[in-house]
């Protein structure tokens, strides 16, 4: 799978992210096996709907600017967009290398660290 990875020049301290974390019990529908099923079948559109990062709400409280980047990536047609770990990197799952290469050209005008990556 092809991804675009954007690392904005922002400082987010993991300590602060975890302090703002408010976890609830896992919902029955939040099952990683559903995501794995779609990935194995190369069904990128469906897989993107099951991306989840429990830290995301805490990260966005600390740095609302990341929401704009996420929204932009989603509006660019990426089926799955998520903040990576405790941030600030944001990645998007793509249908093709061509899609992320063209996004990289646009994003490098605003961000210094933009990478096209492929899963192993």
PDB file of N, CA and C in Angstrom:
ATOM      1  N   UNK A   1       0.834  -1.186   0.000  1.00  0.00           N
ATOM      2  CA  UNK A   1       0.000   0.000   0.000  1.00  0.00           C
ATOM      3  C   UNK A   1       0.873   1.241   0.000  1.00  0.00           C
ATOM      4  N   UNK A   2       0.407   2.267  -0.645  1.00  0.00           N
ATOM      5  CA  UNK A   2       1.119   3.535  -0.711  1.00  0.00           C
ATOM      6  C   UNK A   2       0.513   4.523   0.273  1.00  0.00           C
ATOM      7  N   UNK A   3       1.383   5.312   0.873  1.00  0.00           N
ATOM      8  CA  UNK A   3       0.957   6.304   1.855  1.00  0.00           C
ATOM      9  C   UNK A   3       1.711   7.601   1.603  1.00  0.00           C
ATOM     10  N   UNK A   4       1.111   8.670   2.067  1.00  0.00           N
ATOM     11  CA  UNK A   4       1.832   9.934   2.153  1.00  0.00           C
ATOM     12  C   UNK A   4       1.986  10.213   3.639  1.00  0.00           C
ATOM     13  N   UNK A   5       3.152  10.656   4.027  1.00  0.00           N
ATOM     14  CA  UNK A   5       3.458  10.960   5.424  1.00  0.00           C
ATOM     15  C   UNK A   5       3.916  12.400   5.495  1.00  0.00           C
ATOM     16  N   UNK A   6       3.226  13.189   6.304  1.00  0.00           N
ATOM     17  CA  UNK A   6       3.542  14.604   6.460  1.00  0.00           C
ATOM     18  C   UNK A   6       3.892  14.844   7.918  1.00  0.00           C
ATOM     19  N   UNK A   7       5.061  15.447   8.136  1.00  0.00           N
ATOM     20  CA  UNK A   7       5.504  15.756   9.498  1.00  0.00           C
ATOM     21  C   UNK A   7       5.576  17.276   9.633  1.00  0.00           C
ATOM     22  N   UNK A   8       4.507  17.889  10.152  1.00  0.00           N
ATOM     23  CA  UNK A   8       4.532  19.346  10.326  1.00  0.00           C
ATOM     24  C   UNK A   8       5.560  19.745  11.378  1.00  0.00           C
ATOM     25  N   UNK A   9       6.054  20.953  11.268  1.00  0.00           N
ATOM     26  CA  UNK A   9       7.039  21.466  12.220  1.00  0.00           C
ATOM     27  C   UNK A   9       6.301  21.972  13.465  1.00  0.00           C
ATOM     28  N   UNK A  10       5.870  21.021  14.281  1.00  0.00           N
ATOM     29  CA  UNK A  10       5.127  21.318  15.502  1.00  0.00           C
ATOM     30  C   UNK A  10       5.715  20.500  16.641  1.00  0.00           C
ATOM     31  N   UNK A  11       5.683  21.058  17.829  1.00  0.00           N
ATOM     32  CA  UNK A  11       6.128  20.298  18.998  1.00  0.00           C
ATOM     33  C   UNK A  11       4.897  19.824  19.754  1.00  0.00           C
ATOM     34  N   UNK A  12       4.823  18.526  19.892  1.00  0.00           N
ATOM     35  CA  UNK A  12       3.780  17.916  20.703  1.00  0.00           C
ATOM     36  C   UNK A  12       4.490  16.943  21.632  1.00  0.00           C
ATOM     37  N   UNK A  13       4.306  17.140  22.904  1.00  0.00           N
ATOM     38  CA  UNK A  13       4.959  16.267  23.880  1.00  0.00           C
ATOM     39  C   UNK A  13       4.033  15.113  24.241  1.00  0.00           C
ATOM     40  N   UNK A  14       4.562  13.906  24.116  1.00  0.00           N
ATOM     41  CA  UNK A  14       3.773  12.711  24.410  1.00  0.00           C
ATOM     42  C   UNK A  14       3.160  12.766  25.804  1.00  0.00           C
ATOM     43  N   UNK A  15       3.893  13.294  26.756  1.00  0.00           N
ATOM     44  CA  UNK A  15       3.399  13.417  28.130  1.00  0.00           C
ATOM     45  C   UNK A  15       2.077  14.179  28.149  1.00  0.00           C
ATOM     46  N   UNK A  16       2.014  15.285  27.429  1.00  0.00           N
ATOM     47  CA  UNK A  16       0.797  16.093  27.386  1.00  0.00           C
ATOM     48  C   UNK A  16      -0.344  15.367  26.674  1.00  0.00           C
ATOM     49  N   UNK A  17      -0.005  14.634  25.622  1.00  0.00           N
ATOM     50  CA  UNK A  17      -1.019  13.874  24.889  1.00  0.00           C
ATOM     51  C   UNK A  17      -1.646  12.837  25.813  1.00  0.00           C
ATOM     52  N   UNK A  18      -0.814  12.082  26.507  1.00  0.00           N
ATOM     53  CA  UNK A  18      -1.329  11.029  27.378  1.00  0.00           C
ATOM     54  C   UNK A  18      -2.072  11.594  28.585  1.00  0.00           C
ATOM     55  N   UNK A  19      -1.668  12.745  29.065  1.00  0.00           N
ATOM     56  CA  UNK A  19      -2.387  13.369  30.173  1.00  0.00           C
ATOM     57  C   UNK A  19      -3.800  13.784  29.753  1.00  0.00           C
ATOM     58  N   UNK A  20      -3.976  14.127  28.496  1.00  0.00           N
ATOM     59  CA  UNK A  20      -5.286  14.534  28.000  1.00  0.00           C
ATOM     60  C   UNK A  20      -6.145  13.382  27.515  1.00  0.00           C
ATOM     61  N   UNK A  21      -5.629  12.180  27.628  1.00  0.00           N
ATOM     62  CA  UNK A  21      -6.326  10.998  27.131  1.00  0.00           C
ATOM     63  C   UNK A  21      -7.495  10.628  28.039  1.00  0.00           C
ATOM     64  N   UNK A  22      -8.627  10.377  27.413  1.00  0.00           N
ATOM     65  CA  UNK A  22      -9.818   9.969  28.144  1.00  0.00           C
ATOM     66  C   UNK A  22     -10.378   8.731  27.452  1.00  0.00           C
ATOM     67  N   UNK A  23      -9.853   7.574  27.823  1.00  0.00           N
ATOM     68  CA  UNK A  23     -10.260   6.337  27.156  1.00  0.00           C
ATOM     69  C   UNK A  23     -11.560   5.800  27.736  1.00  0.00           C
ATOM     70  N   UNK A  24     -12.368   5.266  26.837  1.00  0.00           N
ATOM     71  CA  UNK A  24     -13.590   4.577  27.221  1.00  0.00           C
ATOM     72  C   UNK A  24     -13.408   3.120  26.840  1.00  0.00           C
ATOM     73  N   UNK A  25     -14.314   2.310  27.256  1.00  0.00           N
ATOM     74  CA  UNK A  25     -14.242   0.902  26.889  1.00  0.00           C
ATOM     75  C   UNK A  25     -14.314   0.752  25.377  1.00  0.00           C
ATOM     76  N   UNK A  26     -13.609  -0.234  24.862  1.00  0.00           N
ATOM     77  CA  UNK A  26     -13.615  -0.503  23.428  1.00  0.00           C
ATOM     78  C   UNK A  26     -15.005  -0.944  22.994  1.00  0.00           C
ATOM     79  N   UNK A  27     -15.462  -0.402  21.883  1.00  0.00           N
ATOM     80  CA  UNK A  27     -16.758  -0.780  21.327  1.00  0.00           C
ATOM     81  C   UNK A  27     -16.600  -2.085  20.561  1.00  0.00           C
ATOM     82  N   UNK A  28     -17.639  -2.912  20.530  1.00  0.00           N
ATOM     83  CA  UNK A  28     -17.547  -4.185  19.802  1.00  0.00           C
ATOM     84  C   UNK A  28     -17.180  -4.010  18.328  1.00  0.00           C
ATOM     85  N   UNK A  29     -17.566  -2.905  17.701  1.00  0.00           N
ATOM     86  CA  UNK A  29     -17.258  -2.670  16.293  1.00  0.00           C
ATOM     87  C   UNK A  29     -15.818  -2.265  16.047  1.00  0.00           C
ATOM     88  N   UNK A  30     -15.094  -1.889  17.115  1.00  0.00           N
ATOM     89  CA  UNK A  30     -13.690  -1.483  16.979  1.00  0.00           C
ATOM     90  C   UNK A  30     -12.804  -2.722  17.029  1.00  0.00           C
ATOM     91  N   UNK A  31     -12.719  -3.403  15.915  1.00  0.00           N
ATOM     92  CA  UNK A  31     -12.004  -4.662  15.867  1.00  0.00           C
ATOM     93  C   UNK A  31     -10.963  -4.579  14.752  1.00  0.00           C
ATOM     94  N   UNK A  32      -9.698  -4.709  15.106  1.00  0.00           N
ATOM     95  CA  UNK A  32      -8.619  -4.601  14.123  1.00  0.00           C
ATOM     96  C   UNK A  32      -8.732  -5.677  13.049  1.00  0.00           C
ATOM     97  N   UNK A  33      -9.401  -6.778  13.346  1.00  0.00           N
ATOM     98  CA  UNK A  33      -9.545  -7.842  12.351  1.00  0.00           C
ATOM     99  C   UNK A  33     -10.349  -7.384  11.132  1.00  0.00           C
ATOM    100  N   UNK A  34     -11.269  -6.452  11.336  1.00  0.00           N
ATOM    101  CA  UNK A  34     -12.031  -5.913  10.211  1.00  0.00           C
ATOM    102  C   UNK A  34     -11.083  -5.152   9.285  1.00  0.00           C
ATOM    103  N   UNK A  35     -10.227  -4.323   9.856  1.00  0.00           N
ATOM    104  CA  UNK A  35      -9.248  -3.573   9.071  1.00  0.00           C
ATOM    105  C   UNK A  35      -8.316  -4.528   8.330  1.00  0.00           C
ATOM    106  N   UNK A  36      -7.803  -5.515   9.019  1.00  0.00           N
ATOM    107  CA  UNK A  36      -6.881  -6.488   8.412  1.00  0.00           C
ATOM    108  C   UNK A  36      -7.560  -7.213   7.249  1.00  0.00           C
ATOM    109  N   UNK A  37      -8.806  -7.568   7.421  1.00  0.00           N
ATOM    110  CA  UNK A  37      -9.556  -8.250   6.360  1.00  0.00           C
ATOM    111  C   UNK A  37      -9.563  -7.416   5.070  1.00  0.00           C
ATOM    112  N   UNK A  38      -9.897  -6.143   5.189  1.00  0.00           N
ATOM    113  CA  UNK A  38      -9.949  -5.277   3.999  1.00  0.00           C
ATOM    114  C   UNK A  38      -8.560  -5.043   3.413  1.00  0.00           C
ATOM    115  N   UNK A  39      -7.553  -4.909   4.253  1.00  0.00           N
ATOM    116  CA  UNK A  39      -6.196  -4.720   3.742  1.00  0.00           C
ATOM    117  C   UNK A  39      -5.729  -5.951   2.968  1.00  0.00           C
ATOM    118  N   UNK A  40      -6.005  -7.117   3.495  1.00  0.00           N
ATOM    119  CA  UNK A  40      -5.596  -8.352   2.805  1.00  0.00           C
ATOM    120  C   UNK A  40      -6.282  -8.510   1.458  1.00  0.00           C
ATOM    121  N   UNK A  41      -7.476  -7.994   1.343  1.00  0.00           N
ATOM    122  CA  UNK A  41      -8.232  -8.082   0.091  1.00  0.00           C
ATOM    123  C   UNK A  41      -7.930  -6.903  -0.830  1.00  0.00           C
ATOM    124  N   UNK A  42      -6.998  -6.027  -0.392  1.00  0.00           N
ATOM    125  CA  UNK A  42      -6.597  -4.840  -1.157  1.00  0.00           C
ATOM    126  C   UNK A  42      -7.787  -3.906  -1.413  1.00  0.00           C
ATOM    127  N   UNK A  43      -8.666  -3.834  -0.452  1.00  0.00           N
ATOM    128  CA  UNK A  43      -9.843  -2.967  -0.538  1.00  0.00           C
ATOM    129  C   UNK A  43      -9.556  -1.698   0.272  1.00  0.00           C
ATOM    130  N   UNK A  44      -8.803  -0.811  -0.372  1.00  0.00           N
ATOM    131  CA  UNK A  44      -8.277   0.393   0.277  1.00  0.00           C
ATOM    132  C   UNK A  44      -9.395   1.296   0.787  1.00  0.00           C
ATOM    133  N   UNK A  45     -10.419   1.488  -0.003  1.00  0.00           N
ATOM    134  CA  UNK A  45     -11.511   2.384   0.399  1.00  0.00           C
ATOM    135  C   UNK A  45     -12.147   1.931   1.709  1.00  0.00           C
ATOM    136  N   UNK A  46     -12.450   0.646   1.813  1.00  0.00           N
ATOM    137  CA  UNK A  46     -13.078   0.125   3.021  1.00  0.00           C
ATOM    138  C   UNK A  46     -12.113   0.155   4.208  1.00  0.00           C
ATOM    139  N   UNK A  47     -10.853  -0.171   3.965  1.00  0.00           N
ATOM    140  CA  UNK A  47      -9.851  -0.198   5.036  1.00  0.00           C
ATOM    141  C   UNK A  47      -9.714   1.165   5.699  1.00  0.00           C
ATOM    142  N   UNK A  48      -9.707   2.215   4.894  1.00  0.00           N
ATOM    143  CA  UNK A  48      -9.540   3.565   5.422  1.00  0.00           C
ATOM    144  C   UNK A  48     -10.606   3.970   6.418  1.00  0.00           C
ATOM    145  N   UNK A  49     -11.787   3.405   6.306  1.00  0.00           N
ATOM    146  CA  UNK A  49     -12.876   3.735   7.233  1.00  0.00           C
ATOM    147  C   UNK A  49     -12.639   3.178   8.630  1.00  0.00           C
ATOM    148  N   UNK A  50     -11.704   2.240   8.760  1.00  0.00           N
ATOM    149  CA  UNK A  50     -11.477   1.603  10.050  1.00  0.00           C
ATOM    150  C   UNK A  50     -10.187   2.060  10.728  1.00  0.00           C
ATOM    151  N   UNK A  51      -9.574   3.132  10.217  1.00  0.00           N
ATOM    152  CA  UNK A  51      -8.391   3.695  10.870  1.00  0.00           C
ATOM    153  C   UNK A  51      -8.816   4.320  12.188  1.00  0.00           C
ATOM    154  N   UNK A  52      -8.038   4.085  13.216  1.00  0.00           N
ATOM    155  CA  UNK A  52      -8.385   4.596  14.540  1.00  0.00           C
ATOM    156  C   UNK A  52      -7.120   4.860  15.343  1.00  0.00           C
ATOM    157  N   UNK A  53      -7.073   5.998  15.994  1.00  0.00           N
ATOM    158  CA  UNK A  53      -5.985   6.329  16.908  1.00  0.00           C
ATOM    159  C   UNK A  53      -6.636   6.946  18.137  1.00  0.00           C
ATOM    160  N   UNK A  54      -6.629   6.227  19.244  1.00  0.00           N
ATOM    161  CA  UNK A  54      -7.261   6.700  20.477  1.00  0.00           C
ATOM    162  C   UNK A  54      -6.641   7.985  21.004  1.00  0.00           C
ATOM    163  N   UNK A  55      -5.431   8.293  20.577  1.00  0.00           N
ATOM    164  CA  UNK A  55      -4.757   9.507  21.038  1.00  0.00           C
ATOM    165  C   UNK A  55      -5.186  10.748  20.246  1.00  0.00           C
ATOM    166  N   UNK A  56      -5.874  10.545  19.146  1.00  0.00           N
ATOM    167  CA  UNK A  56      -6.158  11.645  18.231  1.00  0.00           C
ATOM    168  C   UNK A  56      -6.930  12.798  18.869  1.00  0.00           C
ATOM    169  N   UNK A  57      -7.947  12.521  19.659  1.00  0.00           N
ATOM    170  CA  UNK A  57      -8.733  13.617  20.252  1.00  0.00           C
ATOM    171  C   UNK A  57      -7.879  14.457  21.199  1.00  0.00           C
ATOM    172  N   UNK A  58      -7.009  13.807  21.936  1.00  0.00           N
ATOM    173  CA  UNK A  58      -6.112  14.532  22.838  1.00  0.00           C
ATOM    174  C   UNK A  58      -5.111  15.371  22.042  1.00  0.00           C
ATOM    175  N   UNK A  59      -4.595  14.816  20.961  1.00  0.00           N
ATOM    176  CA  UNK A  59      -3.639  15.533  20.113  1.00  0.00           C
ATOM    177  C   UNK A  59      -4.295  16.770  19.512  1.00  0.00           C
ATOM    178  N   UNK A  60      -5.509  16.613  19.003  1.00  0.00           N
ATOM    179  CA  UNK A  60      -6.201  17.731  18.363  1.00  0.00           C
ATOM    180  C   UNK A  60      -6.574  18.826  19.364  1.00  0.00           C
ATOM    181  N   UNK A  61      -6.769  18.463  20.626  1.00  0.00           N
ATOM    182  CA  UNK A  61      -7.002  19.471  21.665  1.00  0.00           C
ATOM    183  C   UNK A  61      -5.749  20.325  21.848  1.00  0.00           C
ATOM    184  N   UNK A  62      -4.596  19.667  21.788  1.00  0.00           N
ATOM    185  CA  UNK A  62      -3.324  20.376  21.963  1.00  0.00           C
ATOM    186  C   UNK A  62      -2.907  21.141  20.707  1.00  0.00           C
ATOM    187  N   UNK A  63      -3.259  20.620  19.554  1.00  0.00           N
ATOM    188  CA  UNK A  63      -2.807  21.213  18.292  1.00  0.00           C
ATOM    189  C   UNK A  63      -3.916  21.133  17.234  1.00  0.00           C
ATOM    190  N   UNK A  64      -4.889  22.025  17.306  1.00  0.00           N
ATOM    191  CA  UNK A  64      -6.010  21.987  16.361  1.00  0.00           C
ATOM    192  C   UNK A  64      -5.604  22.173  14.900  1.00  0.00           C
ATOM    193  N   UNK A  65      -4.416  22.730  14.631  1.00  0.00           N
ATOM    194  CA  UNK A  65      -3.954  22.927  13.251  1.00  0.00           C
ATOM    195  C   UNK A  65      -3.860  21.609  12.485  1.00  0.00           C
ATOM    196  N   UNK A  66      -3.609  20.512  13.200  1.00  0.00           N
ATOM    197  CA  UNK A  66      -3.492  19.218  12.529  1.00  0.00           C
ATOM    198  C   UNK A  66      -4.807  18.801  11.888  1.00  0.00           C
ATOM    199  N   UNK A  67      -5.891  19.276  12.414  1.00  0.00           N
ATOM    200  CA  UNK A  67      -7.201  18.962  11.849  1.00  0.00           C
ATOM    201  C   UNK A  67      -7.326  19.500  10.427  1.00  0.00           C
ATOM    202  N   UNK A  68      -6.759  20.676  10.168  1.00  0.00           N
ATOM    203  CA  UNK A  68      -6.798  21.257   8.821  1.00  0.00           C
ATOM    204  C   UNK A  68      -6.031  20.387   7.832  1.00  0.00           C
ATOM    205  N   UNK A  69      -4.877  19.890   8.262  1.00  0.00           N
ATOM    206  CA  UNK A  69      -4.093  19.009   7.396  1.00  0.00           C
ATOM    207  C   UNK A  69      -4.864  17.723   7.113  1.00  0.00           C
ATOM    208  N   UNK A  70      -5.459  17.150   8.138  1.00  0.00           N
ATOM    209  CA  UNK A  70      -6.249  15.929   7.951  1.00  0.00           C
ATOM    210  C   UNK A  70      -7.398  16.165   6.969  1.00  0.00           C
ATOM    211  N   UNK A  71      -8.111  17.249   7.162  1.00  0.00           N
ATOM    212  CA  UNK A  71      -9.246  17.566   6.297  1.00  0.00           C
ATOM    213  C   UNK A  71      -8.782  17.755   4.856  1.00  0.00           C
ATOM    214  N   UNK A  72      -7.650  18.428   4.669  1.00  0.00           N
ATOM    215  CA  UNK A  72      -7.130  18.642   3.322  1.00  0.00           C
ATOM    216  C   UNK A  72      -6.794  17.309   2.657  1.00  0.00           C
ATOM    217  N   UNK A  73      -6.128  16.424   3.407  1.00  0.00           N
ATOM    218  CA  UNK A  73      -5.768  15.121   2.846  1.00  0.00           C
ATOM    219  C   UNK A  73      -7.014  14.307   2.497  1.00  0.00           C
ATOM    220  N   UNK A  74      -8.008  14.349   3.358  1.00  0.00           N
ATOM    221  CA  UNK A  74      -9.252  13.628   3.081  1.00  0.00           C
ATOM    222  C   UNK A  74      -9.945  14.184   1.846  1.00  0.00           C
ATOM    223  N   UNK A  75      -9.966  15.510   1.727  1.00  0.00           N
ATOM    224  CA  UNK A  75     -10.623  16.129   0.568  1.00  0.00           C
ATOM    225  C   UNK A  75      -9.844  15.875  -0.723  1.00  0.00           C
ATOM    226  N   UNK A  76      -8.602  15.445  -0.588  1.00  0.00           N
ATOM    227  CA  UNK A  76      -7.777  15.120  -1.761  1.00  0.00           C
ATOM    228  C   UNK A  76      -8.038  13.710  -2.266  1.00  0.00           C
ATOM    229  N   UNK A  77      -8.957  13.013  -1.619  1.00  0.00           N
ATOM    230  CA  UNK A  77      -9.356  11.697  -2.095  1.00  0.00           C
ATOM    231  C   UNK A  77      -8.678  10.519  -1.434  1.00  0.00           C
ATOM    232  N   UNK A  78      -7.958  10.755  -0.344  1.00  0.00           N
ATOM    233  CA  UNK A  78      -7.335   9.630   0.351  1.00  0.00           C
ATOM    234  C   UNK A  78      -8.400   8.916   1.192  1.00  0.00           C
ATOM    235  N   UNK A  79      -8.498   7.604   1.074  1.00  0.00           N
ATOM    236  CA  UNK A  79      -9.550   6.876   1.775  1.00  0.00           C
ATOM    237  C   UNK A  79      -9.339   6.757   3.284  1.00  0.00           C
ATOM    238  N   UNK A  80      -8.123   6.902   3.749  1.00  0.00           N
ATOM    239  CA  UNK A  80      -7.864   6.824   5.177  1.00  0.00           C
ATOM    240  C   UNK A  80      -6.795   7.807   5.575  1.00  0.00           C
ATOM    241  N   UNK A  81      -7.087   8.658   6.557  1.00  0.00           N
ATOM    242  CA  UNK A  81      -6.134   9.660   7.032  1.00  0.00           C
ATOM    243  C   UNK A  81      -6.134   9.599   8.553  1.00  0.00           C
ATOM    244  N   UNK A  82      -4.942   9.631   9.134  1.00  0.00           N
ATOM    245  CA  UNK A  82      -4.840   9.478  10.582  1.00  0.00           C
ATOM    246  C   UNK A  82      -3.572  10.141  11.098  1.00  0.00           C
ATOM    247  N   UNK A  83      -3.638  10.627  12.324  1.00  0.00           N
ATOM    248  CA  UNK A  83      -2.433  11.097  13.002  1.00  0.00           C
ATOM    249  C   UNK A  83      -1.679   9.862  13.464  1.00  0.00           C
ATOM    250  N   UNK A  84      -0.395   9.865  13.273  1.00  0.00           N
ATOM    251  CA  UNK A  84       0.427   8.718  13.630  1.00  0.00           C
ATOM    252  C   UNK A  84       0.859   8.805  15.090  1.00  0.00           C
ATOM    253  N   UNK A  85       0.586   7.772  15.843  1.00  0.00           N
ATOM    254  CA  UNK A  85       1.007   7.707  17.246  1.00  0.00           C
ATOM    255  C   UNK A  85       0.548   8.903  18.037  1.00  0.00           C
ATOM    256  N   UNK A  86       1.484   9.542  18.742  1.00  0.00           N
ATOM    257  CA  UNK A  86       1.152  10.717  19.549  1.00  0.00           C
ATOM    258  C   UNK A  86       1.451  12.015  18.792  1.00  0.00           C
ATOM    259  N   UNK A  87       1.605  11.915  17.466  1.00  0.00           N
ATOM    260  CA  UNK A  87       1.759  13.095  16.623  1.00  0.00           C
ATOM    261  C   UNK A  87       3.179  13.600  16.572  1.00  0.00           C
ATOM    262  N   UNK A  88       3.411  14.605  15.774  1.00  0.00           N
ATOM    263  CA  UNK A  88       2.487  15.344  14.932  1.00  0.00           C
ATOM    264  C   UNK A  88       2.353  14.802  13.509  1.00  0.00           C
ATOM    265  N   UNK A  89       3.014  13.683  13.194  1.00  0.00           N
ATOM    266  CA  UNK A  89       2.949  13.168  11.826  1.00  0.00           C
ATOM    267  C   UNK A  89       1.527  12.744  11.472  1.00  0.00           C
ATOM    268  N   UNK A  90       1.150  13.027  10.228  1.00  0.00           N
ATOM    269  CA  UNK A  90      -0.154  12.637   9.701  1.00  0.00           C
ATOM    270  C   UNK A  90       0.109  11.822   8.450  1.00  0.00           C
ATOM    271  N   UNK A  91      -0.609  10.716   8.308  1.00  0.00           N
ATOM    272  CA  UNK A  91      -0.421   9.905   7.113  1.00  0.00           C
ATOM    273  C   UNK A  91      -1.764   9.620   6.460  1.00  0.00           C
ATOM    274  N   UNK A  92      -1.688   9.324   5.183  1.00  0.00           N
ATOM    275  CA  UNK A  92      -2.882   8.970   4.433  1.00  0.00           C
ATOM    276  C   UNK A  92      -2.630   7.753   3.576  1.00  0.00           C
ATOM    277  N   UNK A  93      -3.575   6.854   3.581  1.00  0.00           N
ATOM    278  CA  UNK A  93      -3.541   5.663   2.741  1.00  0.00           C
ATOM    279  C   UNK A  93      -4.038   6.055   1.359  1.00  0.00           C
ATOM    280  N   UNK A  94      -3.346   5.575   0.338  1.00  0.00           N
ATOM    281  CA  UNK A  94      -3.697   5.963  -1.029  1.00  0.00           C
ATOM    282  C   UNK A  94      -3.988   4.744  -1.892  1.00  0.00           C
ATOM    283  N   UNK A  95      -4.659   4.995  -2.994  1.00  0.00           N
ATOM    284  CA  UNK A  95      -4.976   3.937  -3.944  1.00  0.00           C
ATOM    285  C   UNK A  95      -3.792   3.591  -4.838  1.00  0.00           C
ATOM    286  N   UNK A  96      -2.893   4.570  -5.021  1.00  0.00           N
ATOM    287  CA  UNK A  96      -1.777   4.332  -5.939  1.00  0.00           C
ATOM    288  C   UNK A  96      -0.589   5.232  -5.592  1.00  0.00           C
ATOM    289  N   UNK A  97       0.544   4.854  -6.134  1.00  0.00           N
ATOM    290  CA  UNK A  97       1.739   5.677  -5.955  1.00  0.00           C
ATOM    291  C   UNK A  97       1.563   7.025  -6.665  1.00  0.00           C
ATOM    292  N   UNK A  98       0.955   7.006  -7.811  1.00  0.00           N
ATOM    293  CA  UNK A  98       0.736   8.239  -8.570  1.00  0.00           C
ATOM    294  C   UNK A  98      -0.047   9.256  -7.734  1.00  0.00           C
ATOM    295  N   UNK A  99      -1.050   8.781  -7.024  1.00  0.00           N
ATOM    296  CA  UNK A  99      -1.861   9.672  -6.196  1.00  0.00           C
ATOM    297  C   UNK A  99      -1.011  10.368  -5.133  1.00  0.00           C
ATOM    298  N   UNK A 100      -0.168   9.617  -4.426  1.00  0.00           N
ATOM    299  CA  UNK A 100       0.624  10.242  -3.363  1.00  0.00           C
ATOM    300  C   UNK A 100       1.770  11.078  -3.911  1.00  0.00           C
ATOM    301  N   UNK A 101       2.306  10.709  -5.054  1.00  0.00           N
ATOM    302  CA  UNK A 101       3.368  11.518  -5.671  1.00  0.00           C
ATOM    303  C   UNK A 101       2.833  12.899  -6.049  1.00  0.00           C
ATOM    304  N   UNK A 102       1.628  12.951  -6.587  1.00  0.00           N
ATOM    305  CA  UNK A 102       1.065  14.253  -6.956  1.00  0.00           C
ATOM    306  C   UNK A 102       0.717  15.069  -5.710  1.00  0.00           C
ATOM    307  N   UNK A 103       0.271  14.421  -4.647  1.00  0.00           N
ATOM    308  CA  UNK A 103       0.007  15.133  -3.392  1.00  0.00           C
ATOM    309  C   UNK A 103       1.296  15.661  -2.780  1.00  0.00           C
ATOM    310  N   UNK A 104       2.359  14.895  -2.907  1.00  0.00           N
ATOM    311  CA  UNK A 104       3.649  15.325  -2.356  1.00  0.00           C
ATOM    312  C   UNK A 104       4.090  16.646  -2.984  1.00  0.00           C
ATOM    313  N   UNK A 105       3.921  16.768  -4.278  1.00  0.00           N
ATOM    314  CA  UNK A 105       4.303  18.010  -4.966  1.00  0.00           C
ATOM    315  C   UNK A 105       3.571  19.205  -4.355  1.00  0.00           C
ATOM    316  N   UNK A 106       2.290  19.045  -4.107  1.00  0.00           N
ATOM    317  CA  UNK A 106       1.501  20.129  -3.521  1.00  0.00           C
ATOM    318  C   UNK A 106       1.896  20.402  -2.069  1.00  0.00           C
ATOM    319  N   UNK A 107       2.096  19.344  -1.305  1.00  0.00           N
ATOM    320  CA  UNK A 107       2.371  19.496   0.125  1.00  0.00           C
ATOM    321  C   UNK A 107       3.762  20.049   0.418  1.00  0.00           C
ATOM    322  N   UNK A 108       4.736  19.770  -0.446  1.00  0.00           N
ATOM    323  CA  UNK A 108       6.092  20.263  -0.187  1.00  0.00           C
ATOM    324  C   UNK A 108       6.189  21.776  -0.321  1.00  0.00           C
ATOM    325  N   UNK A 109       5.165  22.400  -0.863  1.00  0.00           N
ATOM    326  CA  UNK A 109       5.136  23.865  -0.904  1.00  0.00           C
ATOM    327  C   UNK A 109       4.882  24.448   0.481  1.00  0.00           C
ATOM    328  N   UNK A 110       4.295  23.652   1.358  1.00  0.00           N
ATOM    329  CA  UNK A 110       3.948  24.132   2.703  1.00  0.00           C
ATOM    330  C   UNK A 110       4.725  23.418   3.819  1.00  0.00           C
ATOM    331  N   UNK A 111       5.066  22.163   3.602  1.00  0.00           N
ATOM    332  CA  UNK A 111       5.733  21.361   4.630  1.00  0.00           C
ATOM    333  C   UNK A 111       7.083  20.869   4.125  1.00  0.00           C
ATOM    334  N   UNK A 112       8.090  20.899   5.011  1.00  0.00           N
ATOM    335  CA  UNK A 112       9.428  20.451   4.613  1.00  0.00           C
ATOM    336  C   UNK A 112       9.552  18.938   4.613  1.00  0.00           C
ATOM    337  N   UNK A 113       8.845  18.284   5.508  1.00  0.00           N
ATOM    338  CA  UNK A 113       8.968  16.831   5.615  1.00  0.00           C
ATOM    339  C   UNK A 113       7.707  16.149   5.087  1.00  0.00           C
ATOM    340  N   UNK A 114       7.784  15.765   3.822  1.00  0.00           N
ATOM    341  CA  UNK A 114       6.694  15.042   3.166  1.00  0.00           C
ATOM    342  C   UNK A 114       7.324  13.830   2.501  1.00  0.00           C
ATOM    343  N   UNK A 115       6.785  12.674   2.788  1.00  0.00           N
ATOM    344  CA  UNK A 115       7.371  11.433   2.281  1.00  0.00           C
ATOM    345  C   UNK A 115       6.322  10.574   1.611  1.00  0.00           C
ATOM    346  N   UNK A 116       6.731   9.922   0.540  1.00  0.00           N
ATOM    347  CA  UNK A 116       5.924   8.887  -0.079  1.00  0.00           C
ATOM    348  C   UNK A 116       6.507   7.577   0.408  1.00  0.00           C
ATOM    349  N   UNK A 117       5.668   6.772   1.035  1.00  0.00           N
ATOM    350  CA  UNK A 117       6.151   5.519   1.626  1.00  0.00           C
ATOM    351  C   UNK A 117       5.245   4.368   1.218  1.00  0.00           C
ATOM    352  N   UNK A 118       5.812   3.202   1.300  1.00  0.00           N
ATOM    353  CA  UNK A 118       5.076   1.989   0.944  1.00  0.00           C
ATOM    354  C   UNK A 118       5.198   0.975   2.072  1.00  0.00           C
ATOM    355  N   UNK A 119       4.106   0.310   2.375  1.00  0.00           N
ATOM    356  CA  UNK A 119       4.174  -0.719   3.402  1.00  0.00           C
ATOM    357  C   UNK A 119       4.922  -1.923   2.868  1.00  0.00           C
ATOM    358  N   UNK A 120       5.488  -2.675   3.766  1.00  0.00           N
ATOM    359  CA  UNK A 120       6.241  -3.868   3.370  1.00  0.00           C
ATOM    360  C   UNK A 120       5.340  -5.069   3.284  1.00  0.00           C
TER     361      UNK A 120
END
